[in-house]
C-alpha cells in the first residue's frame, strides 16, 4: 500500500505502520490472528490481506474470456477479440468455407435444458419465417423461466448482406424487432466489421461537443483552458484509441475542437491562434504545452497492441490474433499484411517495425533461410536468457507515455 493511503476513511495512513512497525507490529499481528474468532473487529485489515492473496490466483480462477477484476487484463482485450471477423473475411477460400458449413449443417444436435434433452434439430443458415418462430419460442421460454421480458425498444436484429430486402422486412416483422445494418457497440466501442469512416466514431465528436456546451471558455483563463483540454478533451477519445485506428479526419476534428477551445474560439468570434498546434503539442521542455496530439496518441496505443503481442503472447486476445494471422509461437511474431486484415492488425503493423533487415538478408541468403531467420528473435550478445525490453524506458517496460514521447521527439527532431 502507498505510504499516504489508508484502508478506510477512519483508518490510519500506511506510513504510520511502516514507520512505527517495531512498536506496533506485534500487536497488529496478534489482532489479525484474532480475526478468525471475531471477523467484525478488523474488517479493513483482513479484507486487504484476502484481496492481496486472491490477486495472485485470480487469473487461474477466472476464465480467460473474462477481463474484470483480474490484474493484467483489460476490457480492451475483449473488444479486440470482438473486432476479428468471419471465415471469409480472414481470406479462407470459399470452397473451404462451404466444406466447414456442410460439416456443421449435416449433423444432428440436441440441447440439454434442465437436464432434459430437447428435440433433435439440424443447424441451418436459412433465414425464413419458420426459423423466426423458433427463435420467438426460445425467447419466450427463456423469459418465462426467469420471470423477465425482453425490451423490444432496445433490441435490434442484424441480417446478412446476402439477404433480400423483402425477406428482411418479413423476418423483422415476425420477430417484432427493429432491423439494423449496424452491429452497434461492445463495451462502449463500435464493432468494426466494415470499412471505417469518420461517421464510425462520430459519437466521440458528439461527446466532446456536449462537454463543451457545459463550459464557458470566455470565463476561463488560458491556464484553466489548458487544464481542461489536457484532463478532459484530449483524454476522452483514449478509450476508443486502445483497440482501433481512428480515421485521420476524426483525429483532425478532435485536435480542432481542442485548439478552438484553448484559444477561446466561439461560433460568433474567431481568435488568432498564436503558435501553431504542432508547437502547442510539443513537450514543455521544448517550449510547448504538452497537450496530446490525437493521431500520435492513437499511434502510441497501436504500438502498445504490437508490444502486447510480444510481452503478453499467452493472453487470449494475443493468441487469437497470432492464430488468425499465422504469427507463430516465437517471441517475435511473424507479421504480414493481408488484404482483409482487421483495423487493429493494420494499425499495429503500421506502428511497429521488424528488427530484421529483410532486404539485406535476401541479398546474402536463399529465400528458405531468410524465412527461418525472420521467424526467430534476434541474437543476444549476453549469456543470460533472452527477454523482451522496451528501449525507450529506463526499466524496459512499455508505457504509453514513453511511446508518445518518442513519437513527438521524432517529429520535433529535424
Protein backbone atom coordinates (compact mmCIF):
# COMPACT_ATOMS: atom_id res chain seq x y z
CA UNK A 1 0.00 0.00 0.00
CA UNK A 2 1.20 3.52 -0.77
CA UNK A 3 2.55 5.37 2.28
CA UNK A 4 -0.11 8.08 2.23
CA UNK A 5 -3.13 5.81 1.63
CA UNK A 6 -5.46 4.36 4.26
CA UNK A 7 -7.55 1.13 4.26
CA UNK A 8 -10.68 3.15 5.06
CA UNK A 9 -11.95 6.64 5.77
CA UNK A 10 -11.42 6.12 9.51
CA UNK A 11 -8.13 4.22 9.22
CA UNK A 12 -4.58 5.41 9.79
CA UNK A 13 -2.36 6.01 6.80
CA UNK A 14 0.06 3.24 5.94
CA UNK A 15 3.09 5.38 6.74
CA UNK A 16 2.19 5.16 10.45
CA UNK A 17 2.55 1.37 10.46
CA UNK A 18 5.60 1.46 8.19
CA UNK A 19 7.49 3.90 10.40
CA UNK A 20 6.33 2.51 13.76
CA UNK A 21 6.27 -1.20 12.96
CA UNK A 22 8.87 -2.04 15.61
CA UNK A 23 6.43 -0.73 18.24
CA UNK A 24 3.00 -1.77 16.91
CA UNK A 25 3.89 -4.74 14.69
CA UNK A 26 3.42 -7.41 17.38
CA UNK A 27 0.01 -6.06 18.39
CA UNK A 28 -1.19 -5.81 14.76
CA UNK A 29 -0.15 -9.42 14.03
CA UNK A 30 -1.89 -10.65 17.18
CA UNK A 31 -5.02 -8.70 16.32
CA UNK A 32 -5.03 -10.16 12.81
CA UNK A 33 -4.86 -13.70 14.21
CA UNK A 34 -7.92 -12.95 16.37
CA UNK A 35 -9.86 -12.28 13.18
CA UNK A 36 -10.82 -15.94 12.99
CA UNK A 37 -12.60 -15.58 16.35
CA UNK A 38 -14.42 -12.32 15.57
CA UNK A 39 -14.07 -11.04 11.97
CA UNK A 40 -16.01 -7.81 12.63
CA UNK A 41 -13.23 -6.22 14.65
CA UNK A 42 -10.61 -5.65 11.98
CA UNK A 43 -12.59 -5.88 8.78
CA UNK A 44 -10.44 -3.38 6.84
CA UNK A 45 -7.10 -5.07 7.54
CA UNK A 46 -8.34 -8.57 6.80
CA UNK A 47 -10.11 -7.65 3.57
CA UNK A 48 -6.85 -6.14 2.33
CA UNK A 49 -4.98 -9.36 3.19
CA UNK A 50 -7.61 -11.52 1.46
CA UNK A 51 -7.58 -9.29 -1.63
CA UNK A 52 -3.78 -9.47 -1.88
CA UNK A 53 -3.83 -13.26 -1.59
CA UNK A 54 -6.59 -13.70 -4.17
CA UNK A 55 -4.83 -11.34 -6.56
CA UNK A 56 -2.12 -13.95 -7.16
CA UNK A 57 -4.56 -16.66 -8.27
CA UNK A 58 -7.39 -14.70 -9.91
CA UNK A 59 -6.07 -15.42 -13.41
CA UNK A 60 -6.40 -19.16 -12.65
CA UNK A 61 -9.87 -18.89 -11.09
CA UNK A 62 -11.45 -16.67 -13.75
CA UNK A 63 -11.90 -17.84 -17.35
CA UNK A 64 -9.58 -16.14 -19.89
CA UNK A 65 -12.54 -14.54 -21.70
CA UNK A 66 -13.47 -12.61 -18.52
CA UNK A 67 -11.41 -9.45 -18.09
CA UNK A 68 -12.88 -7.82 -14.96
CA UNK A 69 -11.20 -7.92 -11.54
CA UNK A 70 -8.10 -9.75 -12.86
CA UNK A 71 -4.75 -7.90 -12.74
CA UNK A 72 -3.20 -7.60 -16.18
CA UNK A 73 -6.49 -7.99 -18.07
CA UNK A 74 -8.35 -5.08 -19.61
CA UNK A 75 -11.73 -4.53 -21.22
CA UNK A 76 -9.88 -3.68 -24.43
CA UNK A 77 -8.78 -7.36 -24.61
CA UNK A 78 -12.36 -8.50 -25.24
CA UNK A 79 -13.01 -5.56 -27.58
CA UNK A 80 -10.06 -6.64 -29.74
CA UNK A 81 -11.43 -10.20 -29.97
CA UNK A 82 -14.90 -8.93 -30.95
CA UNK A 83 -13.42 -6.97 -33.87
CA UNK A 84 -11.94 -10.05 -35.53
CA UNK A 85 -14.11 -11.23 -38.36
CA UNK A 86 -15.57 -14.26 -40.15
CA UNK A 87 -14.02 -17.12 -42.10
CA UNK A 88 -14.41 -15.29 -45.41
CA UNK A 89 -13.06 -12.04 -44.00
CA UNK A 90 -9.78 -13.66 -42.95
CA UNK A 91 -9.16 -14.88 -46.50
CA UNK A 92 -10.18 -18.56 -46.47
CA UNK A 93 -11.24 -19.92 -49.90
CA UNK A 94 -14.99 -20.09 -50.47
CA UNK A 95 -14.91 -23.85 -51.14
CA UNK A 96 -13.16 -24.40 -47.80
CA UNK A 97 -15.80 -22.28 -46.02
CA UNK A 98 -18.55 -24.27 -47.74
CA UNK A 99 -16.94 -27.50 -46.56
CA UNK A 100 -16.98 -26.28 -42.92
CA UNK A 101 -20.63 -25.18 -43.21
CA UNK A 102 -21.54 -28.55 -44.73
CA UNK A 103 -19.97 -30.41 -41.79
CA UNK A 104 -21.98 -28.32 -39.34
CA UNK A 105 -25.30 -28.26 -41.18
CA UNK A 106 -25.49 -32.04 -41.80
CA UNK A 107 -25.02 -33.01 -38.15
CA UNK A 108 -27.97 -33.50 -35.80
CA UNK A 109 -27.86 -31.68 -32.48
CA UNK A 110 -29.76 -31.71 -29.19
CA UNK A 111 -29.82 -29.12 -26.42
CA UNK A 112 -29.72 -30.21 -22.79
CA UNK A 113 -32.26 -27.99 -20.97
CA UNK A 114 -32.77 -28.51 -17.23
CA UNK A 115 -31.21 -32.00 -17.55
CA UNK A 116 -33.67 -32.97 -20.28
CA UNK A 117 -32.78 -33.48 -23.94
CA UNK A 118 -34.86 -31.40 -26.33
CA UNK A 119 -35.85 -32.49 -29.81
CA UNK A 120 -33.08 -33.02 -32.32
CA UNK A 121 -32.52 -30.29 -34.88
CA UNK A 122 -30.19 -29.62 -37.79
CA UNK A 123 -28.25 -26.33 -37.84
CA UNK A 124 -29.01 -24.21 -40.86
CA UNK A 125 -28.14 -20.82 -42.32
CA UNK A 126 -31.61 -20.44 -43.79
CA UNK A 127 -33.41 -17.27 -42.83
CA UNK A 128 -37.15 -17.89 -43.03
CA UNK A 129 -40.34 -17.40 -41.05
CA UNK A 130 -40.11 -20.90 -39.58
CA UNK A 131 -36.72 -20.12 -38.05
CA UNK A 132 -38.05 -16.78 -36.78
CA UNK A 133 -40.89 -18.59 -34.99
CA UNK A 134 -38.39 -20.98 -33.40
CA UNK A 135 -36.40 -18.01 -32.10
CA UNK A 136 -39.57 -16.44 -30.69
CA UNK A 137 -40.48 -19.67 -28.86
CA UNK A 138 -36.97 -19.97 -27.40
CA UNK A 139 -37.02 -16.37 -26.21
CA UNK A 140 -40.49 -16.81 -24.73
CA UNK A 141 -39.43 -19.95 -22.83
CA UNK A 142 -36.30 -18.22 -21.58
CA UNK A 143 -38.24 -15.19 -20.34
CA UNK A 144 -40.86 -17.38 -18.62
CA UNK A 145 -38.16 -19.29 -16.74
CA UNK A 146 -36.59 -16.04 -15.49
CA UNK A 147 -39.79 -14.08 -14.95
CA UNK A 148 -38.49 -11.25 -17.13
CA UNK A 149 -39.27 -9.82 -20.54
CA UNK A 150 -37.22 -8.59 -23.48
CA UNK A 151 -37.09 -4.86 -24.15
CA UNK A 152 -38.18 -4.67 -27.78
CA UNK A 153 -37.30 -0.97 -27.90
CA UNK A 154 -33.65 -1.77 -27.17
CA UNK A 155 -33.41 -4.97 -29.25
CA UNK A 156 -32.24 -4.98 -32.86
CA UNK A 157 -31.93 -7.74 -35.48
CA UNK A 158 -28.96 -7.79 -37.87
CA UNK A 159 -29.17 -9.53 -41.26
CA UNK A 160 -26.54 -10.69 -43.74
CA UNK A 161 -25.93 -8.55 -46.82
CA UNK A 162 -26.87 -11.58 -48.94
CA UNK A 163 -30.49 -11.48 -47.68
CA UNK A 164 -33.05 -9.70 -49.84
CA UNK A 165 -34.92 -6.62 -48.66
CA UNK A 166 -38.34 -8.34 -48.70
CA UNK A 167 -37.12 -11.26 -46.57
CA UNK A 168 -35.51 -8.87 -44.08
CA UNK A 169 -38.76 -6.98 -43.71
CA UNK A 170 -40.81 -10.18 -43.19
CA UNK A 171 -38.41 -11.57 -40.58
CA UNK A 172 -38.11 -8.33 -38.64
CA UNK A 173 -41.93 -8.09 -38.51
CA UNK A 174 -42.19 -11.70 -37.33
CA UNK A 175 -39.58 -11.17 -34.64
CA UNK A 176 -41.09 -7.76 -33.77
CA UNK A 177 -37.59 -6.28 -33.60
CA UNK A 178 -36.31 -3.26 -35.49
CA UNK A 179 -33.73 -4.29 -38.09
CA UNK A 180 -30.37 -2.57 -38.28
CA UNK A 181 -27.37 -2.52 -40.60
CA UNK A 182 -25.01 -1.59 -37.76
CA UNK A 183 -23.75 -4.10 -35.20
CA UNK A 184 -23.64 -1.27 -32.66
CA UNK A 185 -21.18 -1.06 -29.79
CA UNK A 186 -19.48 -3.52 -27.50
CA UNK A 187 -18.26 -2.20 -24.14
CA UNK A 188 -18.74 1.32 -25.48
CA UNK A 189 -16.66 0.84 -28.66
CA UNK A 190 -18.15 0.46 -32.18
CA UNK A 191 -17.86 -3.07 -33.62
CA UNK A 192 -15.82 -2.70 -36.81
CA UNK A 193 -16.87 -5.26 -39.41
CA UNK A 194 -16.86 -2.88 -42.35
CA UNK A 195 -14.76 -0.02 -43.69
CA UNK A 196 -14.04 2.61 -41.06
CA UNK A 197 -15.07 6.18 -41.88
CA UNK A 198 -15.38 9.43 -39.97
CA UNK A 199 -19.03 8.55 -39.23
CA UNK A 200 -17.96 5.37 -37.38
CA UNK A 201 -16.58 7.36 -34.44
CA UNK A 202 -18.99 10.27 -34.67
CA UNK A 203 -20.02 9.52 -31.07
CA UNK A 204 -16.64 10.77 -29.83
CA UNK A 205 -17.12 14.13 -31.52
CA UNK A 206 -20.67 14.42 -30.16
CA UNK A 207 -19.42 13.78 -26.62
CA UNK A 208 -16.75 16.46 -26.98
CA UNK A 209 -19.33 19.00 -28.18
CA UNK A 210 -21.68 18.04 -25.33
CA UNK A 211 -18.89 18.63 -22.83
CA UNK A 212 -18.04 21.99 -24.39
CA UNK A 213 -21.66 23.12 -24.16
CA UNK A 214 -21.43 22.96 -20.36
CA UNK A 215 -18.30 25.15 -20.26
CA UNK A 216 -17.84 28.87 -20.92
CA UNK A 217 -14.43 29.45 -22.46
CA UNK A 218 -14.77 33.22 -22.11
CA UNK A 219 -14.93 32.98 -18.31
CA UNK A 220 -11.81 30.83 -18.02
CA UNK A 221 -8.18 31.89 -18.03
CA UNK A 222 -5.72 30.43 -20.51
CA UNK A 223 -4.26 28.23 -17.76
CA UNK A 224 -7.76 26.97 -16.93
CA UNK A 225 -8.48 26.13 -20.57
CA UNK A 226 -5.14 24.31 -20.89
CA UNK A 227 -6.02 22.21 -17.82
CA UNK A 228 -9.45 21.28 -19.20
CA UNK A 229 -8.04 20.39 -22.62
CA UNK A 230 -5.37 18.14 -21.10
CA UNK A 231 -7.57 16.49 -18.47
CA UNK A 232 -10.87 16.14 -20.39
CA UNK A 233 -11.00 16.93 -24.10
CA UNK A 234 -7.81 15.19 -25.24
CA UNK A 235 -8.40 12.29 -22.81
CA UNK A 236 -11.98 11.36 -23.78
CA UNK A 237 -11.06 9.58 -27.07
CA UNK A 238 -8.30 7.46 -25.46
CA UNK A 239 -10.62 4.55 -24.59
CA UNK A 240 -11.57 4.07 -28.27
CA UNK A 241 -7.95 4.50 -29.37
CA UNK A 242 -6.87 1.40 -27.43
CA UNK A 243 -8.49 -1.02 -29.87
CA UNK A 244 -8.94 0.83 -33.17
CA UNK A 245 -7.21 3.18 -35.59
CA UNK A 246 -9.30 6.32 -35.78
CA UNK A 247 -9.64 7.95 -39.24
CA UNK A 248 -7.39 10.94 -39.81
CA UNK A 249 -10.49 13.11 -40.26
CA UNK A 250 -11.68 12.15 -36.76
CA UNK A 251 -8.26 12.86 -35.23
CA UNK A 252 -8.10 16.22 -37.00
CA UNK A 253 -11.56 17.13 -35.72
CA UNK A 254 -10.54 16.23 -32.15
CA UNK A 255 -7.45 18.45 -32.45
CA UNK A 256 -9.53 21.26 -33.95
CA UNK A 257 -12.03 21.15 -31.08
CA UNK A 258 -9.21 21.25 -28.52
CA UNK A 259 -7.46 24.03 -30.44
CA UNK A 260 -10.54 26.23 -30.71
CA UNK A 261 -11.39 25.85 -27.03
CA UNK A 262 -7.80 26.56 -25.99
CA UNK A 263 -7.72 29.91 -27.80
CA UNK A 264 -11.30 30.84 -26.87
CA UNK A 265 -12.93 30.46 -30.29
CA UNK A 266 -16.73 30.51 -30.43
CA UNK A 267 -19.29 30.37 -33.25
CA UNK A 268 -19.57 34.15 -33.10
CA UNK A 269 -15.89 35.11 -32.66
CA UNK A 270 -12.71 33.69 -34.12
CA UNK A 271 -9.46 34.47 -32.33
CA UNK A 272 -5.90 34.34 -33.59
CA UNK A 273 -4.00 31.13 -32.74
CA UNK A 274 -0.62 32.50 -31.75
CA UNK A 275 1.71 29.45 -32.01
CA UNK A 276 0.99 26.50 -34.30
CA UNK A 277 -0.81 23.43 -32.96
CA UNK A 278 2.32 21.37 -33.58
CA UNK A 279 4.25 23.70 -31.28
CA UNK A 280 1.50 23.56 -28.64
CA UNK A 281 1.65 19.74 -28.59
CA UNK A 282 5.42 19.65 -28.06
CA UNK A 283 6.78 18.76 -24.56
CA UNK A 284 7.24 21.61 -22.09
CA UNK A 285 10.99 21.11 -22.28
CA UNK A 286 10.78 22.13 -25.97
CA UNK A 287 8.57 25.15 -25.33
CA UNK A 288 5.15 23.51 -25.85
CA UNK A 289 2.20 22.90 -23.53
CA UNK A 290 2.48 19.09 -23.65
CA UNK A 291 -1.09 18.65 -24.97
CA UNK A 292 -1.75 15.28 -26.55
CA UNK A 293 -1.82 15.13 -30.33
CA UNK A 294 -4.74 12.83 -31.28
CA UNK A 295 -3.13 10.90 -34.14
CA UNK A 296 0.16 10.45 -32.26
CA UNK A 297 -1.67 9.13 -29.20
CA UNK A 298 -3.60 6.72 -31.41
CA UNK A 299 -0.35 5.50 -32.90
CA UNK A 300 1.12 5.07 -29.40
CA UNK A 301 -1.80 2.79 -28.47
CA UNK A 302 -1.22 0.75 -31.64
CA UNK A 303 2.41 0.38 -30.54
CA UNK A 304 1.10 -0.89 -27.22
CA UNK A 305 -1.00 -3.50 -29.03
CA UNK A 306 2.02 -4.61 -31.03
CA UNK A 307 4.08 -4.79 -27.85
CA UNK A 308 1.32 -6.83 -26.18
CA UNK A 309 1.58 -9.46 -28.93
CA UNK A 310 5.17 -9.98 -27.76
CA UNK A 311 5.02 -9.46 -23.99
CA UNK A 312 1.55 -10.95 -23.38
CA UNK A 313 1.53 -13.65 -26.03
CA UNK A 314 -0.32 -16.07 -23.69
CA UNK A 315 -3.25 -13.68 -23.27
CA UNK A 316 -6.43 -14.77 -25.02
CA UNK A 317 -6.59 -11.79 -27.39
CA UNK A 318 -2.92 -12.24 -28.37
CA UNK A 319 -3.44 -15.95 -29.04
CA UNK A 320 -6.49 -15.15 -31.20
CA UNK A 321 -4.54 -12.65 -33.31
CA UNK A 322 -1.43 -14.83 -33.57
CA UNK A 323 -3.52 -17.81 -34.65
CA UNK A 324 -5.69 -15.89 -37.10
CA UNK A 325 -2.79 -14.20 -38.90
CA UNK A 326 -0.33 -17.10 -38.66
CA UNK A 327 2.18 -15.24 -36.49
CA UNK A 328 3.64 -18.38 -34.91
CA UNK A 329 4.62 -19.01 -31.30
CA UNK A 330 8.07 -17.38 -31.25
CA UNK A 331 8.70 -14.37 -29.01
CA UNK A 332 8.78 -12.06 -32.01
CA UNK A 333 5.63 -12.80 -34.05
CA UNK A 334 5.67 -13.11 -37.83
CA UNK A 335 3.70 -10.15 -39.08
CA UNK A 336 2.37 -9.90 -42.63
CA UNK A 337 -0.07 -7.52 -44.26
CA UNK A 338 -3.26 -9.06 -45.58
CA UNK A 339 -5.96 -7.55 -47.72
CA UNK A 340 -8.71 -8.47 -45.26
CA UNK A 341 -6.83 -7.66 -42.05
CA UNK A 342 -8.78 -6.09 -39.19
CA UNK A 343 -8.47 -2.43 -38.27
CA UNK A 344 -6.36 -3.18 -35.20
CA UNK A 345 -3.98 -5.53 -37.04
CA UNK A 346 -3.30 -2.94 -39.75
CA UNK A 347 -2.76 -0.28 -37.08
CA UNK A 348 -0.34 -2.34 -35.01
CA UNK A 349 1.66 -3.21 -38.15
CA UNK A 350 1.95 0.43 -39.20
CA UNK A 351 3.05 1.49 -35.71
CA UNK A 352 5.74 -1.17 -35.25
CA UNK A 353 8.74 -2.21 -37.30
CA UNK A 354 10.57 -5.50 -37.74
CA UNK A 355 14.02 -5.73 -36.26
CA UNK A 356 15.45 -7.77 -39.14
CA UNK A 357 16.56 -6.00 -42.32
CA UNK A 358 14.91 -8.49 -44.68
CA UNK A 359 16.27 -6.78 -47.81
CA UNK A 360 19.87 -7.28 -46.70
CA UNK A 361 19.17 -10.86 -45.64
CA UNK A 362 17.72 -11.63 -49.07
CA UNK A 363 20.91 -10.35 -50.69
CA UNK A 364 23.03 -12.79 -48.67
CA UNK A 365 20.84 -15.86 -48.09
CA UNK A 366 18.38 -18.10 -50.01
CA UNK A 367 14.66 -17.46 -49.52
CA UNK A 368 14.07 -20.51 -47.30
CA UNK A 369 16.90 -19.47 -44.95
CA UNK A 370 15.57 -15.90 -44.79
CA UNK A 371 12.11 -17.17 -43.82
CA UNK A 372 13.60 -19.21 -40.98
CA UNK A 373 15.67 -16.25 -39.72
CA UNK A 374 12.84 -13.71 -39.61
CA UNK A 375 10.75 -16.22 -37.63
CA UNK A 376 13.07 -16.08 -34.62
CA UNK A 377 14.14 -13.30 -32.29
CA UNK A 378 17.46 -11.50 -33.00
CA UNK A 379 20.57 -12.97 -31.29
CA UNK A 380 21.70 -11.58 -27.94
CA UNK A 381 25.37 -10.81 -27.13
CA UNK A 382 24.78 -11.69 -23.48
CA UNK A 383 24.92 -15.14 -21.92
CA UNK A 384 21.69 -14.70 -20.00
CA UNK A 385 18.39 -15.91 -21.44
CA UNK A 386 16.74 -13.51 -23.89
CA UNK A 387 13.92 -11.31 -22.65
CA UNK A 388 11.82 -8.54 -24.14
CA UNK A 389 12.69 -4.95 -23.19
CA UNK A 390 11.22 -1.64 -24.33
CA UNK A 391 14.10 0.54 -25.50
CA UNK A 392 12.51 3.91 -24.69
CA UNK A 393 12.16 3.48 -20.90
CA UNK A 394 14.74 3.03 -18.15
CA UNK A 395 13.20 -0.19 -16.78
CA UNK A 396 12.44 -1.84 -20.13
CA UNK A 397 8.67 -1.77 -19.51
CA UNK A 398 6.31 -0.43 -22.16
CA UNK A 399 4.25 2.65 -21.34
CA UNK A 400 2.00 4.89 -23.43
CA UNK A 401 3.90 7.91 -22.09
CA UNK A 402 7.28 6.72 -23.37
CA UNK A 403 5.80 5.70 -26.75
CA UNK A 404 4.09 9.08 -27.17
CA UNK A 405 7.23 10.98 -26.15
CA UNK A 406 9.28 9.02 -28.67
CA UNK A 407 6.77 9.79 -31.43
CA UNK A 408 6.80 13.51 -30.58
CA UNK A 409 10.61 13.65 -30.36
CA UNK A 410 10.82 12.01 -33.78
CA UNK A 411 8.60 14.76 -35.18
CA UNK A 412 10.49 17.57 -33.45
CA UNK A 413 13.93 16.32 -34.50
CA UNK A 414 14.86 18.00 -37.84
